[in-house]
Amino acid sequence: MARRRKRKSRRRQEGRRILECVPQYSISSGEDKPVTAARKFIHSEGIIPPALLLVKRNEHTTDR
């Protein structure tokens, strides 16, 4: 039997296209909680929105 191709959602594709234009930063939270680490990083680097921060909590968990 022939396999059907999965339909790609236009909304999802548009969201990905937008995210490609947004700068992304990856940081580690260290001793701080993820939100505190993100706020300190934003303040120290002078990041202006829109931006996406990926904060690594531990080796298994990453917060956006």
C-alpha atoms as a PDB file:
ATOM      1  CA  MET A   1       0.000   0.000   0.000  1.00  0.00           C
ATOM      2  CA  ALA A   2       1.147   3.514  -0.762  1.00  0.00           C
ATOM      3  CA  ARG A   3       1.936   5.676   2.241  1.00  0.00           C
ATOM      4  CA  ARG A   4       0.241   9.040   2.433  1.00  0.00           C
ATOM      5  CA  ARG A   5       2.393  12.104   2.969  1.00  0.00           C
ATOM      6  CA  LYS A   6       1.800  14.036   6.153  1.00  0.00           C
ATOM      7  CA  ARG A   7       0.243  17.431   5.498  1.00  0.00           C
ATOM      8  CA  LYS A   8       2.350  20.385   6.637  1.00  0.00           C
ATOM      9  CA  SER A   9       0.326  22.947   8.530  1.00  0.00           C
ATOM     10  CA  ARG A  10       0.589  26.441   7.037  1.00  0.00           C
ATOM     11  CA  ARG A  11       0.313  27.997  10.503  1.00  0.00           C
ATOM     12  CA  ARG A  12       3.253  25.940  11.762  1.00  0.00           C
ATOM     13  CA  GLN A  13       5.354  26.757   8.714  1.00  0.00           C
ATOM     14  CA  GLU A  14       4.652  30.468   9.190  1.00  0.00           C
ATOM     15  CA  GLY A  15       5.661  30.251  12.853  1.00  0.00           C
ATOM     16  CA  ARG A  16       8.951  28.597  11.943  1.00  0.00           C
ATOM     17  CA  ARG A  17       9.620  31.248   9.304  1.00  0.00           C
ATOM     18  CA  ILE A  18       9.108  33.979  11.905  1.00  0.00           C
ATOM     19  CA  LEU A  19      11.377  32.234  14.433  1.00  0.00           C
ATOM     20  CA  GLU A  20      14.166  32.047  11.841  1.00  0.00           C
ATOM     21  CA  CYS A  21      14.271  35.875  11.796  1.00  0.00           C
ATOM     22  CA  VAL A  22      14.355  36.222  15.601  1.00  0.00           C
ATOM     23  CA  PRO A  23      17.784  36.132  17.300  1.00  0.00           C
ATOM     24  CA  GLN A  24      18.277  33.152  19.618  1.00  0.00           C
ATOM     25  CA  TYR A  25      20.576  32.962  22.635  1.00  0.00           C
ATOM     26  CA  SER A  26      21.513  29.839  24.563  1.00  0.00           C
ATOM     27  CA  ILE A  27      22.665  30.251  28.168  1.00  0.00           C
ATOM     28  CA  SER A  28      23.132  28.139  31.277  1.00  0.00           C
ATOM     29  CA  SER A  29      21.273  29.137  34.451  1.00  0.00           C
ATOM     30  CA  GLY A  30      24.129  28.129  36.758  1.00  0.00           C
ATOM     31  CA  GLU A  31      23.222  28.823  40.391  1.00  0.00           C
ATOM     32  CA  ASP A  32      20.244  31.063  39.572  1.00  0.00           C
ATOM     33  CA  LYS A  33      16.707  30.055  38.687  1.00  0.00           C
ATOM     34  CA  PRO A  34      16.079  30.084  34.909  1.00  0.00           C
ATOM     35  CA  VAL A  35      14.067  33.346  34.887  1.00  0.00           C
ATOM     36  CA  THR A  36      16.631  35.145  37.065  1.00  0.00           C
ATOM     37  CA  ALA A  37      19.479  33.964  34.847  1.00  0.00           C
ATOM     38  CA  ALA A  38      17.590  35.125  31.748  1.00  0.00           C
ATOM     39  CA  ARG A  39      16.883  38.561  33.250  1.00  0.00           C
ATOM     40  CA  LYS A  40      20.515  39.040  34.252  1.00  0.00           C
ATOM     41  CA  PHE A  41      21.672  37.988  30.766  1.00  0.00           C
ATOM     42  CA  ILE A  42      19.218  40.355  29.044  1.00  0.00           C
ATOM     43  CA  HIS A  43      20.352  43.236  31.254  1.00  0.00           C
ATOM     44  CA  SER A  44      24.079  42.571  30.824  1.00  0.00           C
ATOM     45  CA  GLU A  45      23.908  42.080  27.030  1.00  0.00           C
ATOM     46  CA  GLY A  46      21.355  44.826  26.380  1.00  0.00           C
ATOM     47  CA  ILE A  47      19.118  42.516  24.355  1.00  0.00           C
ATOM     48  CA  ILE A  48      16.036  44.139  22.842  1.00  0.00           C
ATOM     49  CA  PRO A  49      12.860  42.232  21.944  1.00  0.00           C
ATOM     50  CA  PRO A  50      11.963  40.183  20.021  1.00  0.00           C
ATOM     51  CA  ALA A  51      14.506  37.557  21.040  1.00  0.00           C
ATOM     52  CA  LEU A  52      14.411  33.937  22.135  1.00  0.00           C
ATOM     53  CA  LEU A  53      16.402  32.749  25.149  1.00  0.00           C
ATOM     54  CA  LEU A  54      17.096  29.069  25.723  1.00  0.00           C
ATOM     55  CA  VAL A  55      18.079  28.614  29.371  1.00  0.00           C
ATOM     56  CA  LYS A  56      19.657  25.267  30.239  1.00  0.00           C
ATOM     57  CA  ARG A  57      18.550  24.241  33.730  1.00  0.00           C
ATOM     58  CA  ASN A  58      20.476  20.957  33.821  1.00  0.00           C
ATOM     59  CA  GLU A  59      21.639  18.365  31.309  1.00  0.00           C
ATOM     60  CA  HIS A  60      18.036  17.232  30.691  1.00  0.00           C
ATOM     61  CA  THR A  61      15.899  20.374  30.886  1.00  0.00           C
ATOM     62  CA  THR A  62      15.904  23.535  28.777  1.00  0.00           C
ATOM     63  CA  ASP A  63      13.455  26.437  29.247  1.00  0.00           C
ATOM     64  CA  ARG A  64      12.460  28.920  26.546  1.00  0.00           C
END
